[in-house]
């Protein structure tokens, strides 16, 4: 192994790849103890507004934004701490459930947000937006909608658009004389072709469970259209029985049977970057992952971008399917909601930051420079001027063009339903249950 490849692999082992771009900083310790890495501990300090963010991705950008705010507003400071993705999800649910959440609650909107609202833990931001229309009007409308619960806004977008994409190793495809699949049939035809070369068709962080969900989300949408999941999210009795769900599950198991995933997929964790490592080193041809993957590569593996090792495209279509090829799934953005338990001083600092600290000219440009697409209007020229213009304009145009950008299902559903979904889908990938059993189990979670 030459020194350049060794350097790449060393950095890959340090890379953390999650839907929210969680990276390696303190990951092992966090997974074991759920302690924070950052400034003071969560909730510590002298009454400062507290903010919990995620490792990796735009971590440095967020830290810079908060540092700038604190320097300019010494009486309205914000204490910021970072967590690994999976550890954060556990910690924040526990903290918010106990009424001890941070001032700024980092989330994905929709179902999990609704659980906070129903528990009286998230503040209604509608009056604030009515008084400050310039805050509301800076966002892409479809992205702002995921922070709305029962007609009121409880969360505001805080970062970047993160659609799920299909990433591929250009060198592997060149050696195979193949093109990235545009249809499901083409995808399945590539499986034996890559296996014959001794290359896994797809990498998958199956141990983390949520990467499995990306396959189901897109297949259900491509086969049945977005209304299928809309009915599920609306808790309509029997909604999981839609034929598109069964067909999608069947296709997933057919792909597993064909050897579509790397042999190690059940023990591969997305948080340690092993799925990306397989694709970058040519041991796997493709991976289905979020838009945050590019941002992580730019930060920890710039050679993969500089030498164009990794390419990207949209998820394939399914013959006869009702879903538009332009439909997206993933995270329209991440969001800040504010704790209803915040003190008056914490609330003042938080609302001030939402208006004048977040998405300032500097903050927006730093997001773009990090390889991200901010979810605000009027930035196309800035994206085109970026050294990452190919990826950034691709994602921005997808986001602008789509009529349906479905939030990741484990965030759109209630926490209890999401947990059941991930457990049962894991059993599908492991071939331990049949599609109809999955449907029966999930129909039982619908709240009537």
Protein backbone atom coordinates (compact mmCIF):
# COMPACT_ATOMS: atom_id res chain seq x y z
CA UNK A 1 0.00 0.00 0.00
CA UNK A 2 1.57 3.31 -1.02
CA UNK A 3 1.75 6.27 1.36
CA UNK A 4 -1.05 8.17 -0.36
CA UNK A 5 -3.45 5.23 -0.09
CA UNK A 6 -2.38 4.65 3.52
CA UNK A 7 -3.11 8.29 4.31
CA UNK A 8 -6.54 7.99 2.71
CA UNK A 9 -7.39 4.84 4.64
CA UNK A 10 -6.18 6.34 7.90
CA UNK A 11 -8.49 9.27 7.45
CA UNK A 12 -11.35 7.02 6.43
CA UNK A 13 -11.01 5.17 9.71
CA UNK A 14 -11.46 8.51 11.43
CA UNK A 15 -14.42 9.49 9.30
CA UNK A 16 -17.93 9.23 10.63
CA UNK A 17 -20.76 9.11 8.10
CA UNK A 18 -24.36 9.55 9.28
CA UNK A 19 -27.51 11.14 7.92
CA UNK A 20 -26.68 14.13 9.99
CA UNK A 21 -22.97 13.90 9.24
CA UNK A 22 -21.79 12.75 12.66
CA UNK A 23 -18.01 12.29 12.75
CA UNK A 24 -15.41 10.58 14.88
CA UNK A 25 -14.88 13.14 17.61
CA UNK A 26 -15.53 11.38 20.90
CA UNK A 27 -17.71 8.78 19.21
CA UNK A 28 -16.57 5.81 21.27
CA UNK A 29 -16.88 7.66 24.55
CA UNK A 30 -20.25 9.04 23.58
CA UNK A 31 -21.61 5.67 22.61
CA UNK A 32 -20.66 4.33 26.02
CA UNK A 33 -21.33 7.22 28.33
CA UNK A 34 -23.37 9.80 26.37
CA UNK A 35 -21.08 12.50 27.68
CA UNK A 36 -20.54 15.58 25.58
CA UNK A 37 -17.44 16.76 23.82
CA UNK A 38 -17.25 20.49 23.39
CA UNK A 39 -17.29 23.40 25.76
CA UNK A 40 -18.93 22.95 29.13
CA UNK A 41 -21.16 19.98 29.80
CA UNK A 42 -24.80 20.14 28.63
CA UNK A 43 -26.78 22.58 30.70
CA UNK A 44 -23.64 23.75 32.48
CA UNK A 45 -22.60 27.36 32.80
CA UNK A 46 -24.18 30.43 34.31
CA UNK A 47 -27.59 30.49 32.74
CA UNK A 48 -26.40 30.66 29.13
CA UNK A 49 -28.68 29.40 26.40
CA UNK A 50 -27.64 25.80 25.74
CA UNK A 51 -27.28 24.27 22.28
CA UNK A 52 -26.65 20.62 21.41
CA UNK A 53 -25.30 19.89 17.95
CA UNK A 54 -23.92 16.90 16.06
CA UNK A 55 -20.32 15.95 15.39
CA UNK A 56 -19.06 16.18 11.82
CA UNK A 57 -20.55 17.81 8.76
CA UNK A 58 -21.07 21.48 9.51
CA UNK A 59 -19.79 21.22 13.11
CA UNK A 60 -16.99 23.72 12.54
CA UNK A 61 -19.35 26.09 10.74
CA UNK A 62 -21.85 25.99 13.60
CA UNK A 63 -19.11 26.50 16.17
CA UNK A 64 -17.80 29.48 14.24
CA UNK A 65 -21.29 30.96 14.00
CA UNK A 66 -21.92 30.60 17.73
CA UNK A 67 -18.45 31.91 18.63
CA UNK A 68 -19.10 35.01 16.51
CA UNK A 69 -22.48 35.49 18.17
CA UNK A 70 -21.00 35.18 21.65
CA UNK A 71 -18.26 37.72 20.92
CA UNK A 72 -20.79 40.23 19.62
CA UNK A 73 -23.41 39.55 22.33
CA UNK A 74 -21.62 38.92 25.63
CA UNK A 75 -24.85 39.21 27.59
CA UNK A 76 -26.70 36.69 25.39
CA UNK A 77 -24.17 33.90 25.09
CA UNK A 78 -24.81 30.35 23.92
CA UNK A 79 -23.09 27.27 25.38
CA UNK A 80 -22.53 24.73 22.58
CA UNK A 81 -21.83 21.00 22.91
CA UNK A 82 -21.52 18.27 20.26
CA UNK A 83 -22.58 14.63 20.25
CA UNK A 84 -22.32 11.61 17.97
CA UNK A 85 -25.51 11.01 16.01
CA UNK A 86 -26.88 7.84 17.62
CA UNK A 87 -25.82 8.91 21.12
CA UNK A 88 -27.50 12.28 20.61
CA UNK A 89 -30.83 10.77 19.61
CA UNK A 90 -30.93 8.73 22.80
CA UNK A 91 -29.78 11.56 25.03
CA UNK A 92 -32.06 14.27 23.69
CA UNK A 93 -35.20 12.13 23.91
CA UNK A 94 -34.38 11.33 27.52
CA UNK A 95 -33.56 14.93 28.40
CA UNK A 96 -36.59 16.46 26.69
CA UNK A 97 -38.84 13.77 28.18
CA UNK A 98 -37.62 14.75 31.63
CA UNK A 99 -38.16 18.46 30.92
CA UNK A 100 -34.40 19.07 30.98
CA UNK A 101 -33.65 19.54 27.30
CA UNK A 102 -31.28 22.21 25.97
CA UNK A 103 -32.53 25.64 24.97
CA UNK A 104 -31.91 24.79 21.31
CA UNK A 105 -33.25 21.31 20.50
CA UNK A 106 -31.59 19.96 17.35
CA UNK A 107 -33.93 17.77 15.32
CA UNK A 108 -35.46 16.80 12.01
CA UNK A 109 -39.02 18.09 12.44
CA UNK A 110 -42.27 16.20 11.89
CA UNK A 111 -43.08 13.14 14.06
CA UNK A 112 -40.39 13.42 16.70
CA UNK A 113 -41.01 17.17 16.91
CA UNK A 114 -44.71 16.45 17.43
CA UNK A 115 -43.88 14.23 20.39
CA UNK A 116 -42.08 17.19 21.97
CA UNK A 117 -45.02 19.48 21.21
CA UNK A 118 -47.53 17.02 22.64
CA UNK A 119 -45.43 16.81 25.81
CA UNK A 120 -45.41 20.60 26.11
CA UNK A 121 -41.62 20.79 25.72
CA UNK A 122 -41.31 22.84 22.51
CA UNK A 123 -42.18 26.53 22.26
CA UNK A 124 -44.58 27.87 19.63
CA UNK A 125 -42.52 30.07 17.29
CA UNK A 126 -45.48 31.27 15.19
CA UNK A 127 -45.84 34.63 17.00
CA UNK A 128 -42.09 35.20 16.65
CA UNK A 129 -42.23 34.57 12.89
CA UNK A 130 -45.25 36.85 12.56
CA UNK A 131 -43.24 39.64 14.18
CA UNK A 132 -40.15 38.80 12.11
CA UNK A 133 -41.36 37.87 8.62
CA UNK A 134 -37.85 38.29 7.22
CA UNK A 135 -36.84 35.16 9.15
CA UNK A 136 -39.71 33.12 7.74
CA UNK A 137 -39.25 34.42 4.20
CA UNK A 138 -35.58 33.50 3.85
CA UNK A 139 -36.33 29.77 3.68
CA UNK A 140 -37.38 27.52 0.83
CA UNK A 141 -41.10 26.98 1.61
CA UNK A 142 -41.06 23.18 1.33
CA UNK A 143 -38.29 23.02 3.91
CA UNK A 144 -39.99 25.30 6.43
CA UNK A 145 -43.10 23.10 6.39
CA UNK A 146 -41.46 20.24 8.32
CA UNK A 147 -41.28 22.46 11.40
CA UNK A 148 -45.06 22.91 11.47
CA UNK A 149 -47.28 20.91 13.84
CA UNK A 150 -51.06 21.40 13.83
CA UNK A 151 -50.73 24.63 11.88
CA UNK A 152 -48.13 26.22 14.17
CA UNK A 153 -44.38 26.50 13.68
CA UNK A 154 -42.32 24.85 16.39
CA UNK A 155 -39.01 24.46 14.57
CA UNK A 156 -36.93 26.51 12.13
CA UNK A 157 -34.46 25.07 9.57
CA UNK A 158 -30.87 25.52 10.68
CA UNK A 159 -28.63 24.12 7.98
CA UNK A 160 -28.48 22.28 4.71
CA UNK A 161 -30.56 20.22 2.30
CA UNK A 162 -29.73 16.52 2.58
CA UNK A 163 -31.48 14.37 -0.01
CA UNK A 164 -30.54 10.70 -0.20
CA UNK A 165 -28.37 10.01 -3.25
CA UNK A 166 -26.68 7.05 -4.91
CA UNK A 167 -22.89 7.45 -4.73
CA UNK A 168 -20.58 5.34 -6.89
CA UNK A 169 -16.89 4.68 -7.48
CA UNK A 170 -16.08 6.03 -10.94
CA UNK A 171 -12.97 3.88 -11.32
CA UNK A 172 -14.87 0.69 -10.56
CA UNK A 173 -17.58 1.54 -13.07
CA UNK A 174 -14.97 2.40 -15.68
CA UNK A 175 -13.24 -0.96 -15.24
CA UNK A 176 -16.60 -2.70 -15.51
CA UNK A 177 -17.53 -0.72 -18.61
CA UNK A 178 -20.78 0.20 -16.88
CA UNK A 179 -22.91 3.27 -16.21
CA UNK A 180 -24.69 4.13 -12.92
CA UNK A 181 -28.14 2.48 -12.89
CA UNK A 182 -31.10 4.61 -13.87
CA UNK A 183 -33.69 1.86 -13.37
CA UNK A 184 -34.15 -0.95 -10.88
CA UNK A 185 -33.67 -3.51 -13.64
CA UNK A 186 -30.32 -1.96 -14.52
CA UNK A 187 -29.35 -2.01 -10.85
CA UNK A 188 -30.13 -5.71 -10.51
CA UNK A 189 -28.24 -6.48 -13.72
CA UNK A 190 -25.11 -4.86 -12.28
CA UNK A 191 -25.07 -7.17 -9.24
CA UNK A 192 -23.62 -10.30 -10.92
CA UNK A 193 -21.35 -8.13 -13.03
CA UNK A 194 -19.62 -6.61 -10.00
CA UNK A 195 -19.65 -9.86 -8.05
CA UNK A 196 -17.78 -11.54 -10.89
CA UNK A 197 -15.10 -8.85 -10.48
CA UNK A 198 -14.87 -9.63 -6.75
CA UNK A 199 -16.48 -6.30 -5.86
CA UNK A 200 -19.53 -5.90 -3.65
CA UNK A 201 -22.28 -4.09 -5.59
CA UNK A 202 -23.36 -2.04 -2.55
CA UNK A 203 -21.91 -1.08 0.79
CA UNK A 204 -24.42 -0.76 3.63
CA UNK A 205 -24.05 0.24 7.29
CA UNK A 206 -26.61 -2.34 8.34
CA UNK A 207 -25.54 -2.44 11.98
CA UNK A 208 -26.80 1.13 12.32
CA UNK A 209 -30.23 0.08 10.95
CA UNK A 210 -31.27 3.53 9.69
CA UNK A 211 -29.28 3.19 6.41
CA UNK A 212 -31.57 0.22 5.59
CA UNK A 213 -34.47 2.64 5.69
CA UNK A 214 -33.21 4.65 2.73
CA UNK A 215 -33.87 1.69 0.45
CA UNK A 216 -37.43 1.21 1.65
CA UNK A 217 -38.22 4.93 1.51
CA UNK A 218 -37.17 5.31 -2.10
CA UNK A 219 -38.61 2.03 -3.35
CA UNK A 220 -42.03 2.70 -1.81
CA UNK A 221 -42.03 6.20 -3.30
CA UNK A 222 -40.85 5.04 -6.73
CA UNK A 223 -43.43 2.23 -6.81
CA UNK A 224 -46.46 3.82 -5.16
CA UNK A 225 -45.78 7.54 -5.03
CA UNK A 226 -45.56 9.81 -1.96
CA UNK A 227 -49.17 9.30 -0.88
CA UNK A 228 -48.35 5.81 0.38
CA UNK A 229 -46.18 7.12 3.18
CA UNK A 230 -48.40 10.16 3.69
CA UNK A 231 -51.18 7.73 4.66
CA UNK A 232 -48.82 5.86 6.98
CA UNK A 233 -47.69 9.08 8.65
CA UNK A 234 -51.34 10.09 9.04
CA UNK A 235 -51.97 6.86 11.02
CA UNK A 236 -54.59 5.58 8.63
CA UNK A 237 -55.57 2.05 9.69
CA UNK A 238 -53.99 -0.62 7.50
CA UNK A 239 -51.81 1.92 5.66
CA UNK A 240 -48.80 -0.41 5.74
CA UNK A 241 -50.81 -2.92 3.70
CA UNK A 242 -50.43 -0.89 0.52
CA UNK A 243 -49.04 -3.14 -2.26
CA UNK A 244 -46.14 -0.73 -2.80
CA UNK A 245 -44.79 -1.57 0.66
CA UNK A 246 -44.90 -5.32 0.06
CA UNK A 247 -43.34 -4.95 -3.39
CA UNK A 248 -40.56 -2.75 -2.02
CA UNK A 249 -39.78 -5.23 0.76
CA UNK A 250 -39.76 -8.06 -1.76
CA UNK A 251 -37.29 -6.21 -3.98
CA UNK A 252 -35.02 -5.58 -1.02
CA UNK A 253 -34.95 -9.28 -0.15
CA UNK A 254 -34.34 -10.17 -3.77
CA UNK A 255 -31.35 -7.84 -3.77
CA UNK A 256 -30.07 -9.45 -0.55
CA UNK A 257 -30.53 -12.93 -2.08
CA UNK A 258 -28.59 -11.85 -5.18
CA UNK A 259 -25.63 -10.81 -3.04
CA UNK A 260 -26.21 -7.12 -3.62
CA UNK A 261 -24.59 -6.02 -0.35
CA UNK A 262 -21.10 -6.49 1.02
CA UNK A 263 -20.82 -9.62 3.17
CA UNK A 264 -20.04 -7.46 6.19
CA UNK A 265 -23.15 -5.28 5.92
CA UNK A 266 -24.78 -6.65 9.08
CA UNK A 267 -21.76 -5.67 11.19
CA UNK A 268 -20.89 -2.45 9.36
CA UNK A 269 -21.78 0.75 11.19
CA UNK A 270 -22.42 4.00 9.36
CA UNK A 271 -21.08 6.00 12.30
CA UNK A 272 -17.56 4.64 11.75
CA UNK A 273 -17.53 5.37 8.03
CA UNK A 274 -17.07 1.75 6.97
CA UNK A 275 -19.67 1.96 4.18
CA UNK A 276 -17.91 4.91 2.54
CA UNK A 277 -14.53 3.21 3.09
CA UNK A 278 -15.62 0.21 1.01
CA UNK A 279 -16.71 2.41 -1.89
CA UNK A 280 -13.70 4.70 -1.79
CA UNK A 281 -11.23 1.80 -1.76
CA UNK A 282 -13.06 0.03 -4.60
CA UNK A 283 -14.21 -2.92 -2.51
CA UNK A 284 -17.80 -1.88 -3.17
CA UNK A 285 -19.17 -0.13 -6.25
CA UNK A 286 -21.98 1.95 -4.73
CA UNK A 287 -23.64 3.17 -1.55
CA UNK A 288 -27.00 4.84 -0.94
CA UNK A 289 -26.40 7.64 1.54
CA UNK A 290 -27.34 11.22 2.36
CA UNK A 291 -26.19 14.53 0.96
CA UNK A 292 -24.02 14.93 4.05
CA UNK A 293 -21.61 12.32 2.64
CA UNK A 294 -20.04 14.87 0.29
CA UNK A 295 -19.53 17.34 3.10
CA UNK A 296 -17.82 14.66 5.19
CA UNK A 297 -15.57 13.69 2.27
CA UNK A 298 -14.60 17.30 1.69
CA UNK A 299 -13.61 17.62 5.33
CA UNK A 300 -11.89 14.29 5.95
CA UNK A 301 -11.11 12.85 2.52
CA UNK A 302 -10.51 15.71 0.06
CA UNK A 303 -8.64 13.46 -2.39
CA UNK A 304 -11.88 11.61 -3.16
CA UNK A 305 -13.29 14.88 -4.44
CA UNK A 306 -10.13 16.25 -6.03
CA UNK A 307 -9.50 13.14 -8.12
CA UNK A 308 -13.23 12.58 -8.72
CA UNK A 309 -13.16 9.05 -7.29
CA UNK A 310 -16.73 9.32 -6.07
CA UNK A 311 -19.65 10.28 -8.30
CA UNK A 312 -23.32 10.74 -7.45
CA UNK A 313 -26.74 10.40 -9.04
CA UNK A 314 -30.40 9.96 -8.11
CA UNK A 315 -32.04 6.74 -6.94
CA UNK A 316 -33.24 4.53 -9.83
CA UNK A 317 -36.81 4.42 -11.08
CA UNK A 318 -39.01 1.30 -11.00
CA UNK A 319 -40.84 0.22 -14.16
CA UNK A 320 -44.57 0.91 -13.89
CA UNK A 321 -44.11 2.90 -10.70
CA UNK A 322 -46.31 5.88 -9.84
CA UNK A 323 -43.63 7.97 -8.15
CA UNK A 324 -41.90 10.74 -10.08
CA UNK A 325 -38.14 10.35 -10.65
CA UNK A 326 -37.88 13.89 -9.24
CA UNK A 327 -39.26 12.87 -5.84
CA UNK A 328 -36.75 13.01 -3.00
CA UNK A 329 -36.45 11.38 0.39
CA UNK A 330 -34.04 12.30 3.17
CA UNK A 331 -33.72 15.37 5.33
CA UNK A 332 -35.01 18.61 3.82
CA UNK A 333 -32.94 20.20 6.58
CA UNK A 334 -32.19 19.94 10.27
CA UNK A 335 -34.07 22.22 12.65
CA UNK A 336 -33.87 24.19 15.85
CA UNK A 337 -36.84 24.08 18.15
CA UNK A 338 -36.72 25.99 21.42
CA UNK A 339 -37.39 24.50 24.82
CA UNK A 340 -40.56 25.72 26.45
CA UNK A 341 -38.64 25.47 29.74
CA UNK A 342 -36.05 28.08 28.74
CA UNK A 343 -35.61 31.03 31.05
CA UNK A 344 -36.39 34.54 29.82
CA UNK A 345 -32.70 35.28 29.28
CA UNK A 346 -32.10 32.01 27.46
CA UNK A 347 -35.10 32.62 25.24
CA UNK A 348 -33.92 36.16 24.43
CA UNK A 349 -30.50 34.89 23.38
CA UNK A 350 -32.00 32.06 21.34
CA UNK A 351 -34.46 34.23 19.44
CA UNK A 352 -31.76 36.80 18.77
CA UNK A 353 -29.47 34.14 17.34
CA UNK A 354 -32.23 32.70 15.14
CA UNK A 355 -32.77 36.12 13.61
CA UNK A 356 -29.33 37.67 13.37
CA UNK A 357 -26.76 34.95 14.02
CA UNK A 358 -27.98 32.07 11.90
CA UNK A 359 -27.78 32.39 8.10
CA UNK A 360 -25.90 35.64 8.24
CA UNK A 361 -23.91 36.33 5.07
CA UNK A 362 -20.84 34.83 6.70
CA UNK A 363 -22.64 31.76 8.10
CA UNK A 364 -24.30 31.03 4.75
CA UNK A 365 -21.02 31.34 2.84
CA UNK A 366 -19.20 29.11 5.32
CA UNK A 367 -21.86 26.44 4.85
CA UNK A 368 -21.35 26.63 1.08
CA UNK A 369 -17.57 26.49 1.50
CA UNK A 370 -17.95 23.35 3.63
CA UNK A 371 -19.70 21.56 0.75
CA UNK A 372 -23.29 22.08 1.90
CA UNK A 373 -26.41 23.57 0.33
CA UNK A 374 -28.07 26.05 2.72
CA UNK A 375 -31.88 25.88 2.67
CA UNK A 376 -32.37 29.57 1.91
CA UNK A 377 -33.44 31.46 -1.15
CA UNK A 378 -31.29 33.40 -3.60
CA UNK A 379 -28.00 31.50 -3.33
CA UNK A 380 -27.69 29.89 -6.77
CA UNK A 381 -24.98 32.27 -7.98
CA UNK A 382 -22.98 31.66 -4.83
CA UNK A 383 -23.25 27.92 -5.35
CA UNK A 384 -22.12 28.25 -8.96
CA UNK A 385 -19.07 30.21 -7.82
CA UNK A 386 -18.03 27.47 -5.41
CA UNK A 387 -15.23 24.99 -6.09
CA UNK A 388 -17.87 22.36 -5.28
CA UNK A 389 -20.36 23.76 -7.79
CA UNK A 390 -21.03 20.41 -9.51
CA UNK A 391 -22.35 18.78 -6.37
CA UNK A 392 -23.92 21.87 -4.80
CA UNK A 393 -25.88 22.94 -7.87
CA UNK A 394 -26.95 19.31 -8.42
CA UNK A 395 -28.44 19.12 -4.93
CA UNK A 396 -29.92 22.64 -5.03
CA UNK A 397 -31.62 22.03 -8.36
CA UNK A 398 -33.01 18.70 -7.13
CA UNK A 399 -34.40 20.46 -4.07
CA UNK A 400 -35.83 23.33 -6.11
CA UNK A 401 -37.36 21.06 -8.74
CA UNK A 402 -39.03 18.45 -6.58
CA UNK A 403 -42.67 18.64 -5.59
CA UNK A 404 -42.22 15.97 -2.92
CA UNK A 405 -39.32 15.85 -0.47
CA UNK A 406 -40.32 13.22 2.07
CA UNK A 407 -38.64 13.39 5.46
CA UNK A 408 -36.77 10.32 6.66
CA UNK A 409 -39.43 8.00 8.00
CA UNK A 410 -37.86 7.41 11.39
CA UNK A 411 -38.17 11.15 12.03
CA UNK A 412 -41.56 11.62 10.38
CA UNK A 413 -43.15 8.94 12.58
CA UNK A 414 -43.58 8.94 16.33
CA UNK A 415 -40.54 7.65 18.27
CA UNK A 416 -42.30 4.38 19.18
CA UNK A 417 -43.31 3.70 15.57
CA UNK A 418 -39.84 4.63 14.31
CA UNK A 419 -38.19 2.21 16.69
CA UNK A 420 -40.51 -0.60 15.57
CA UNK A 421 -39.86 0.30 11.93
CA UNK A 422 -36.09 0.03 12.26
CA UNK A 423 -36.26 -3.24 14.18
CA UNK A 424 -38.61 -4.87 11.68
CA UNK A 425 -36.75 -3.58 8.63
CA UNK A 426 -33.52 -4.97 10.05
CA UNK A 427 -35.28 -8.35 10.19
CA UNK A 428 -36.23 -7.97 6.51
CA UNK A 429 -32.60 -7.39 5.51
CA UNK A 430 -31.52 -10.34 7.64
CA UNK A 431 -34.21 -12.51 5.98
CA UNK A 432 -35.69 -13.36 9.40
CA UNK A 433 -39.22 -12.23 8.54
CA UNK A 434 -41.23 -12.12 5.31
CA UNK A 435 -42.73 -8.92 3.85
CA UNK A 436 -46.24 -9.81 5.05
CA UNK A 437 -44.99 -10.26 8.60
CA UNK A 438 -43.39 -6.81 8.43
CA UNK A 439 -46.68 -5.34 7.23
CA UNK A 440 -48.63 -7.00 10.05
CA UNK A 441 -46.16 -5.83 12.69
CA UNK A 442 -46.18 -2.25 11.44
CA UNK A 443 -49.95 -2.02 11.05
CA UNK A 444 -50.13 -2.86 14.76
CA UNK A 445 -48.19 0.34 15.57
CA UNK A 446 -50.70 2.67 13.95
CA UNK A 447 -52.39 4.87 16.51
CA UNK A 448 -56.10 5.07 15.81
